[in-house]
Amino acid sequence: MPTALKFTVRHVRYWRGAIHRWSTDYSYVGSSSLSPDAGLCSSLLNLDDHMCYAGGSTEGGTYECAVYDPRAGGTALAVYTRFAWDTPGDWIGYGGAAWTTTGLDFEAAAEPCLLVEWPAGKSKTGKPVAFRKYYHAIPVSQAGSAGAHDVATADVTSLEAGAEALRSFLGAQGWSLGTPAGRLAGTGVVSPFYGSHQMPRGRRRKPLVTANGTYTGPTIKVPGPVVED
């Protein structure tokens, strides 16, 4: 049985006029017997979906959750698919159950996001470490003036309850939100200010030249002199 599980929750929305997908990963560790299945994936999908503001099916939705054994690698142990992401007519809108505010316009820009952090102790150098998640499905900012909170106080309280539900998702089975290296998540904190997290355009490629000028690309073979018979 695996002693670590990584769940990937996948979402879809429009960004700059095109269909775009984004995901959130959750790592859990434990030692008790646990057989991950589609039902478990469905439950976590719903908890994640609660953190995404309900903007209507045309704005996008949470379409799939898959679970993996990060140590073994390979294909998913189980998958739950809620709808087909590439068929907008089949989209089921974000649930947004963790938001108390309703009826606001959905934020059209994808980079602004809800930021949630679960503290996870300190690094070897003494700096605070946290699990950080970005949710790219939010309402327009509720800040009425410069410096005011983007997220209403009542929403912060409700969203932090949603963050706790994600942390304790497998608690009854003896599993914790954490990493195989031994870091465990504490109580989640929701930022009242929106974060800005760049949406990936696709697979990231390693730069061929680093900042200090070191070439990291493939070896270039230079042909030797041609010898004629």
C-alpha atoms as a PDB file:
ATOM      1  CA  MET A   1       0.000   0.000   0.000  1.00  0.00           C
ATOM      2  CA  PRO A   2       1.263   3.529  -0.724  1.00  0.00           C
ATOM      3  CA  THR A   3       2.371   5.704   2.197  1.00  0.00           C
ATOM      4  CA  ALA A   4       1.975   8.909   0.193  1.00  0.00           C
ATOM      5  CA  LEU A   5      -0.705  10.050  -2.233  1.00  0.00           C
ATOM      6  CA  LYS A   6      -0.812  12.994  -4.596  1.00  0.00           C
ATOM      7  CA  PHE A   7      -4.207  14.187  -5.769  1.00  0.00           C
ATOM      8  CA  THR A   8      -4.394  16.456  -8.811  1.00  0.00           C
ATOM      9  CA  VAL A   9      -7.632  18.399  -9.200  1.00  0.00           C
ATOM     10  CA  ARG A  10      -8.135  19.797 -12.688  1.00  0.00           C
ATOM     11  CA  HIS A  11     -10.153  22.831 -13.711  1.00  0.00           C
ATOM     12  CA  VAL A  12     -11.110  24.574 -16.917  1.00  0.00           C
ATOM     13  CA  ARG A  13     -12.001  28.184 -17.698  1.00  0.00           C
ATOM     14  CA  TYR A  14     -11.695  30.784 -20.412  1.00  0.00           C
ATOM     15  CA  TRP A  15      -8.540  32.874 -20.496  1.00  0.00           C
ATOM     16  CA  ARG A  16      -7.889  35.482 -23.169  1.00  0.00           C
ATOM     17  CA  GLY A  17     -10.714  34.128 -25.257  1.00  0.00           C
ATOM     18  CA  ALA A  18      -9.522  30.506 -25.285  1.00  0.00           C
ATOM     19  CA  ILE A  19     -10.222  27.405 -23.215  1.00  0.00           C
ATOM     20  CA  HIS A  20      -7.507  27.031 -20.583  1.00  0.00           C
ATOM     21  CA  ARG A  21      -6.895  24.368 -17.946  1.00  0.00           C
ATOM     22  CA  TRP A  22      -5.314  24.732 -14.522  1.00  0.00           C
ATOM     23  CA  SER A  23      -4.821  22.393 -11.572  1.00  0.00           C
ATOM     24  CA  THR A  24      -4.146  22.152  -7.843  1.00  0.00           C
ATOM     25  CA  ASP A  25      -2.120  19.363  -6.208  1.00  0.00           C
ATOM     26  CA  TYR A  26      -2.619  17.983  -2.711  1.00  0.00           C
ATOM     27  CA  SER A  27      -0.131  15.622  -1.070  1.00  0.00           C
ATOM     28  CA  TYR A  28      -1.186  13.378   1.821  1.00  0.00           C
ATOM     29  CA  VAL A  29       0.944  11.003   3.892  1.00  0.00           C
ATOM     30  CA  GLY A  30      -0.044   8.143   6.175  1.00  0.00           C
ATOM     31  CA  SER A  31       0.635   4.579   7.185  1.00  0.00           C
ATOM     32  CA  SER A  32      -2.832   3.069   7.516  1.00  0.00           C
ATOM     33  CA  SER A  33      -4.412   0.878   4.868  1.00  0.00           C
ATOM     34  CA  LEU A  34      -6.131   3.044   2.286  1.00  0.00           C
ATOM     35  CA  SER A  35      -7.303   2.059  -1.173  1.00  0.00           C
ATOM     36  CA  PRO A  36      -7.741   5.207  -3.288  1.00  0.00           C
ATOM     37  CA  ASP A  37     -10.661   4.995  -5.700  1.00  0.00           C
ATOM     38  CA  ALA A  38     -12.859   7.212  -7.860  1.00  0.00           C
ATOM     39  CA  GLY A  39     -15.138   7.912  -4.900  1.00  0.00           C
ATOM     40  CA  LEU A  40     -12.242   9.362  -2.929  1.00  0.00           C
ATOM     41  CA  CYS A  41     -11.270  11.480  -5.936  1.00  0.00           C
ATOM     42  CA  SER A  42     -14.844  12.726  -6.250  1.00  0.00           C
ATOM     43  CA  SER A  43     -14.908  13.781  -2.588  1.00  0.00           C
ATOM     44  CA  LEU A  44     -11.686  15.780  -2.874  1.00  0.00           C
ATOM     45  CA  LEU A  45     -12.837  17.345  -6.138  1.00  0.00           C
ATOM     46  CA  ASN A  46     -15.910  18.676  -4.347  1.00  0.00           C
ATOM     47  CA  LEU A  47     -13.846  20.138  -1.484  1.00  0.00           C
ATOM     48  CA  ASP A  48     -11.553  21.885  -3.952  1.00  0.00           C
ATOM     49  CA  ASP A  49     -14.546  23.064  -5.978  1.00  0.00           C
ATOM     50  CA  HIS A  50     -15.943  24.751  -2.855  1.00  0.00           C
ATOM     51  CA  MET A  51     -12.953  27.122  -2.920  1.00  0.00           C
ATOM     52  CA  CYS A  52     -13.705  28.213  -6.497  1.00  0.00           C
ATOM     53  CA  TYR A  53     -16.222  31.018  -6.817  1.00  0.00           C
ATOM     54  CA  ALA A  54     -19.499  30.087  -8.502  1.00  0.00           C
ATOM     55  CA  GLY A  55     -19.603  32.143 -11.660  1.00  0.00           C
ATOM     56  CA  GLY A  56     -21.863  30.021 -13.839  1.00  0.00           C
ATOM     57  CA  SER A  57     -21.104  27.162 -16.216  1.00  0.00           C
ATOM     58  CA  THR A  58     -19.893  29.491 -18.968  1.00  0.00           C
ATOM     59  CA  GLU A  59     -17.042  30.641 -16.690  1.00  0.00           C
ATOM     60  CA  GLY A  60     -15.646  27.140 -16.243  1.00  0.00           C
ATOM     61  CA  GLY A  61     -15.619  24.403 -13.648  1.00  0.00           C
ATOM     62  CA  THR A  62     -13.771  21.611 -11.852  1.00  0.00           C
ATOM     63  CA  TYR A  63     -13.800  18.667 -14.210  1.00  0.00           C
ATOM     64  CA  GLU A  64     -11.512  15.922 -12.887  1.00  0.00           C
ATOM     65  CA  CYS A  65      -9.491  14.552  -9.987  1.00  0.00           C
ATOM     66  CA  ALA A  66      -6.786  11.892 -10.237  1.00  0.00           C
ATOM     67  CA  VAL A  67      -4.701  10.290  -7.490  1.00  0.00           C
ATOM     68  CA  TYR A  68      -1.133   9.019  -7.857  1.00  0.00           C
ATOM     69  CA  ASP A  69       1.505   7.238  -5.815  1.00  0.00           C
ATOM     70  CA  PRO A  70       4.338   9.812  -6.044  1.00  0.00           C
ATOM     71  CA  ARG A  71       6.972   7.259  -5.069  1.00  0.00           C
ATOM     72  CA  ALA A  72       5.968   4.679  -7.653  1.00  0.00           C
ATOM     73  CA  GLY A  73       5.203   7.135 -10.450  1.00  0.00           C
ATOM     74  CA  GLY A  74       3.357   6.009 -13.541  1.00  0.00           C
ATOM     75  CA  THR A  75      -0.343   6.205 -14.261  1.00  0.00           C
ATOM     76  CA  ALA A  76      -3.061   7.307 -11.873  1.00  0.00           C
ATOM     77  CA  LEU A  77      -4.310   4.876  -9.232  1.00  0.00           C
ATOM     78  CA  ALA A  78      -7.835   6.187  -9.717  1.00  0.00           C
ATOM     79  CA  VAL A  79      -9.603   8.968 -11.632  1.00  0.00           C
ATOM     80  CA  TYR A  80     -12.956  10.684 -11.302  1.00  0.00           C
ATOM     81  CA  THR A  81     -14.134  12.730 -14.295  1.00  0.00           C
ATOM     82  CA  ARG A  82     -17.068  15.056 -13.757  1.00  0.00           C
ATOM     83  CA  PHE A  83     -17.442  16.366 -17.314  1.00  0.00           C
ATOM     84  CA  ALA A  84     -15.569  16.721 -20.577  1.00  0.00           C
ATOM     85  CA  TRP A  85     -13.330  19.793 -20.367  1.00  0.00           C
ATOM     86  CA  ASP A  86     -13.148  20.254 -24.142  1.00  0.00           C
ATOM     87  CA  THR A  87     -16.943  20.498 -24.549  1.00  0.00           C
ATOM     88  CA  PRO A  88     -18.091  23.861 -23.109  1.00  0.00           C
ATOM     89  CA  GLY A  89     -21.722  22.804 -23.433  1.00  0.00           C
ATOM     90  CA  ASP A  90     -21.056  20.065 -20.864  1.00  0.00           C
ATOM     91  CA  TRP A  91     -19.332  22.298 -18.318  1.00  0.00           C
ATOM     92  CA  ILE A  92     -20.654  22.270 -14.750  1.00  0.00           C
ATOM     93  CA  GLY A  93     -19.940  25.609 -13.088  1.00  0.00           C
ATOM     94  CA  TYR A  94     -17.706  26.012 -10.058  1.00  0.00           C
ATOM     95  CA  GLY A  95     -19.546  25.224  -6.838  1.00  0.00           C
ATOM     96  CA  GLY A  96     -18.205  28.026  -4.619  1.00  0.00           C
ATOM     97  CA  ALA A  97     -19.795  26.639  -1.441  1.00  0.00           C
ATOM     98  CA  ALA A  98     -17.011  28.094   0.725  1.00  0.00           C
ATOM     99  CA  TRP A  99     -17.894  31.635  -0.381  1.00  0.00           C
ATOM    100  CA  THR A 100     -20.643  33.372   1.607  1.00  0.00           C
ATOM    101  CA  THR A 101     -20.887  36.224  -0.898  1.00  0.00           C
ATOM    102  CA  THR A 102     -22.857  35.447  -4.034  1.00  0.00           C
ATOM    103  CA  GLY A 103     -24.017  37.351  -7.090  1.00  0.00           C
ATOM    104  CA  LEU A 104     -20.771  39.165  -7.867  1.00  0.00           C
ATOM    105  CA  ASP A 105     -19.287  39.249 -11.347  1.00  0.00           C
ATOM    106  CA  PHE A 106     -16.714  36.553 -12.071  1.00  0.00           C
ATOM    107  CA  GLU A 107     -13.153  37.873 -12.438  1.00  0.00           C
ATOM    108  CA  ALA A 108     -12.377  37.633 -16.152  1.00  0.00           C
ATOM    109  CA  ALA A 109      -8.589  37.820 -15.770  1.00  0.00           C
ATOM    110  CA  ALA A 110      -7.045  34.473 -14.891  1.00  0.00           C
ATOM    111  CA  GLU A 111      -3.853  35.594 -13.135  1.00  0.00           C
ATOM    112  CA  PRO A 112      -5.550  37.121 -10.034  1.00  0.00           C
ATOM    113  CA  CYS A 113      -6.346  34.317  -7.620  1.00  0.00           C
ATOM    114  CA  LEU A 114      -7.361  33.325  -4.134  1.00  0.00           C
ATOM    115  CA  LEU A 115      -4.237  32.528  -2.096  1.00  0.00           C
ATOM    116  CA  VAL A 116      -4.339  29.903   0.658  1.00  0.00           C
ATOM    117  CA  GLU A 117      -1.362  28.860   2.803  1.00  0.00           C
ATOM    118  CA  TRP A 118      -1.004  26.011   5.265  1.00  0.00           C
ATOM    119  CA  PRO A 119       2.051  26.602   7.531  1.00  0.00           C
ATOM    120  CA  ALA A 120       4.464  23.654   7.612  1.00  0.00           C
ATOM    121  CA  GLY A 121       7.179  24.550  10.109  1.00  0.00           C
ATOM    122  CA  LYS A 122      10.524  26.095   9.283  1.00  0.00           C
ATOM    123  CA  SER A 123      13.326  25.334   6.870  1.00  0.00           C
ATOM    124  CA  LYS A 124      16.861  24.384   7.909  1.00  0.00           C
ATOM    125  CA  THR A 125      17.750  28.069   7.789  1.00  0.00           C
ATOM    126  CA  GLY A 126      14.863  29.008  10.067  1.00  0.00           C
ATOM    127  CA  LYS A 127      12.563  30.481   7.431  1.00  0.00           C
ATOM    128  CA  PRO A 128       8.812  29.721   7.586  1.00  0.00           C
ATOM    129  CA  VAL A 129       7.647  27.050   5.143  1.00  0.00           C
ATOM    130  CA  ALA A 130       4.078  26.705   3.889  1.00  0.00           C
ATOM    131  CA  PHE A 131       1.996  24.714   1.459  1.00  0.00           C
ATOM    132  CA  ARG A 132       0.574  27.283  -0.959  1.00  0.00           C
ATOM    133  CA  LYS A 133      -2.377  26.898  -3.332  1.00  0.00           C
ATOM    134  CA  TYR A 134      -3.749  29.291  -5.937  1.00  0.00           C
ATOM    135  CA  TYR A 135      -7.410  29.173  -6.977  1.00  0.00           C
ATOM    136  CA  HIS A 136      -8.010  30.889 -10.318  1.00  0.00           C
ATOM    137  CA  ALA A 137     -11.777  31.225  -9.927  1.00  0.00           C
ATOM    138  CA  ILE A 138     -12.727  34.320  -7.944  1.00  0.00           C
ATOM    139  CA  PRO A 139     -15.239  37.173  -7.962  1.00  0.00           C
ATOM    140  CA  VAL A 140     -14.240  40.716  -8.785  1.00  0.00           C
ATOM    141  CA  SER A 141     -12.416  42.411  -5.912  1.00  0.00           C
ATOM    142  CA  GLN A 142     -14.622  43.656  -3.102  1.00  0.00           C
ATOM    143  CA  ALA A 143     -12.133  46.388  -2.183  1.00  0.00           C
ATOM    144  CA  GLY A 144     -13.913  49.718  -2.238  1.00  0.00           C
ATOM    145  CA  SER A 145     -10.725  51.766  -1.884  1.00  0.00           C
ATOM    146  CA  ALA A 146      -6.968  51.445  -2.150  1.00  0.00           C
ATOM    147  CA  GLY A 147      -5.556  49.108   0.492  1.00  0.00           C
ATOM    148  CA  ALA A 148      -8.930  47.552   1.300  1.00  0.00           C
ATOM    149  CA  HIS A 149      -9.396  43.797   1.339  1.00  0.00           C
ATOM    150  CA  ASP A 150     -10.280  42.029  -1.895  1.00  0.00           C
ATOM    151  CA  VAL A 151     -12.016  39.245   0.030  1.00  0.00           C
ATOM    152  CA  ALA A 152     -14.725  40.131   2.537  1.00  0.00           C
ATOM    153  CA  THR A 153     -14.111  39.131   6.164  1.00  0.00           C
ATOM    154  CA  ALA A 154     -17.068  36.737   6.191  1.00  0.00           C
ATOM    155  CA  ASP A 155     -15.700  35.054   3.070  1.00  0.00           C
ATOM    156  CA  VAL A 156     -12.237  34.710   4.617  1.00  0.00           C
ATOM    157  CA  THR A 157     -13.739  32.935   7.633  1.00  0.00           C
ATOM    158  CA  SER A 158     -15.804  30.601   5.478  1.00  0.00           C
ATOM    159  CA  LEU A 159     -12.931  29.887   3.080  1.00  0.00           C
ATOM    160  CA  GLU A 160     -10.632  29.042   5.978  1.00  0.00           C
ATOM    161  CA  ALA A 161     -13.178  26.439   7.048  1.00  0.00           C
ATOM    162  CA  GLY A 162     -12.968  25.084   3.493  1.00  0.00           C
ATOM    163  CA  ALA A 163      -9.170  25.027   3.755  1.00  0.00           C
ATOM    164  CA  GLU A 164      -9.443  23.059   6.996  1.00  0.00           C
ATOM    165  CA  ALA A 165     -11.733  20.546   5.289  1.00  0.00           C
ATOM    166  CA  LEU A 166      -9.021  20.015   2.665  1.00  0.00           C
ATOM    167  CA  ARG A 167      -6.353  19.585   5.340  1.00  0.00           C
ATOM    168  CA  SER A 168      -8.382  17.034   7.318  1.00  0.00           C
ATOM    169  CA  PHE A 169      -9.772  15.268   4.252  1.00  0.00           C
ATOM    170  CA  LEU A 170      -8.202  11.905   5.173  1.00  0.00           C
ATOM    171  CA  GLY A 171      -7.775  12.552   8.876  1.00  0.00           C
ATOM    172  CA  ALA A 172     -10.265   9.873   9.885  1.00  0.00           C
ATOM    173  CA  GLN A 173      -8.147   7.332   7.989  1.00  0.00           C
ATOM    174  CA  GLY A 174      -4.964   8.453   9.734  1.00  0.00           C
ATOM    175  CA  TRP A 175      -3.565  10.486   6.849  1.00  0.00           C
ATOM    176  CA  SER A 176      -2.372  14.104   6.890  1.00  0.00           C
ATOM    177  CA  LEU A 177      -1.808  16.861   4.367  1.00  0.00           C
ATOM    178  CA  GLY A 178       1.974  16.801   4.086  1.00  0.00           C
ATOM    179  CA  THR A 179       5.011  15.430   2.299  1.00  0.00           C
ATOM    180  CA  PRO A 180       6.949  12.136   2.459  1.00  0.00           C
ATOM    181  CA  ALA A 181       9.873  14.179   3.823  1.00  0.00           C
ATOM    182  CA  GLY A 182       7.914  14.682   7.024  1.00  0.00           C
ATOM    183  CA  ARG A 183       6.405  18.142   6.674  1.00  0.00           C
ATOM    184  CA  LEU A 184       2.805  18.351   7.848  1.00  0.00           C
ATOM    185  CA  ALA A 185       0.354  21.171   7.151  1.00  0.00           C
ATOM    186  CA  GLY A 186      -1.030  23.323   9.929  1.00  0.00           C
ATOM    187  CA  THR A 187      -4.266  25.287   9.935  1.00  0.00           C
ATOM    188  CA  GLY A 188      -4.840  27.023   6.610  1.00  0.00           C
ATOM    189  CA  VAL A 189      -4.807  30.808   6.277  1.00  0.00           C
ATOM    190  CA  VAL A 190      -6.701  32.633   3.530  1.00  0.00           C
ATOM    191  CA  SER A 191      -5.225  35.916   2.361  1.00  0.00           C
ATOM    192  CA  PRO A 192      -7.769  38.771   2.270  1.00  0.00           C
ATOM    193  CA  PHE A 193      -5.805  40.141  -0.681  1.00  0.00           C
ATOM    194  CA  TYR A 194      -5.759  38.468  -4.054  1.00  0.00           C
ATOM    195  CA  GLY A 195      -2.525  36.946  -5.223  1.00  0.00           C
ATOM    196  CA  SER A 196      -1.137  37.139  -8.743  1.00  0.00           C
ATOM    197  CA  HIS A 197      -0.047  33.810 -10.151  1.00  0.00           C
ATOM    198  CA  GLN A 198       0.944  33.436 -13.777  1.00  0.00           C
ATOM    199  CA  MET A 199      -1.097  30.896 -15.683  1.00  0.00           C
ATOM    200  CA  PRO A 200       1.228  28.460 -17.479  1.00  0.00           C
ATOM    201  CA  ARG A 201       1.004  28.560 -21.255  1.00  0.00           C
ATOM    202  CA  GLY A 202       2.153  24.977 -21.602  1.00  0.00           C
ATOM    203  CA  ARG A 203       5.123  22.799 -20.745  1.00  0.00           C
ATOM    204  CA  ARG A 204       7.967  24.824 -19.314  1.00  0.00           C
ATOM    205  CA  ARG A 205      11.324  24.321 -20.939  1.00  0.00           C
ATOM    206  CA  LYS A 206      14.625  24.617 -19.143  1.00  0.00           C
ATOM    207  CA  PRO A 207      16.578  27.645 -20.392  1.00  0.00           C
ATOM    208  CA  LEU A 208      19.578  26.824 -22.553  1.00  0.00           C
ATOM    209  CA  VAL A 209      21.706  29.461 -20.813  1.00  0.00           C
ATOM    210  CA  THR A 210      21.545  30.232 -17.080  1.00  0.00           C
ATOM    211  CA  ALA A 211      21.868  33.685 -15.514  1.00  0.00           C
ATOM    212  CA  ASN A 212      25.619  33.220 -15.014  1.00  0.00           C
ATOM    213  CA  GLY A 213      26.140  32.288 -18.659  1.00  0.00           C
ATOM    214  CA  THR A 214      26.432  28.517 -18.248  1.00  0.00           C
ATOM    215  CA  TYR A 215      25.185  26.559 -21.257  1.00  0.00           C
ATOM    216  CA  THR A 216      22.802  23.740 -20.229  1.00  0.00           C
ATOM    217  CA  GLY A 217      21.623  22.540 -23.637  1.00  0.00           C
ATOM    218  CA  PRO A 218      22.526  19.381 -25.517  1.00  0.00           C
ATOM    219  CA  THR A 219      26.106  18.575 -26.354  1.00  0.00           C
ATOM    220  CA  ILE A 220      27.104  19.978 -29.728  1.00  0.00           C
ATOM    221  CA  LYS A 221      29.346  17.722 -31.731  1.00  0.00           C
ATOM    222  CA  VAL A 222      31.827  19.532 -33.931  1.00  0.00           C
ATOM    223  CA  PRO A 223      32.868  17.417 -36.933  1.00  0.00           C
ATOM    224  CA  GLY A 224      36.552  16.764 -37.325  1.00  0.00           C
ATOM    225  CA  PRO A 225      38.602  17.393 -40.468  1.00  0.00           C
ATOM    226  CA  VAL A 226      37.556  15.573 -43.593  1.00  0.00           C
ATOM    227  CA  VAL A 227      40.163  13.088 -44.704  1.00  0.00           C
ATOM    228  CA  GLU A 228      40.096  12.178 -48.356  1.00  0.00           C
ATOM    229  CA  ASP A 229      41.432   8.863 -49.569  1.00  0.00           C
END
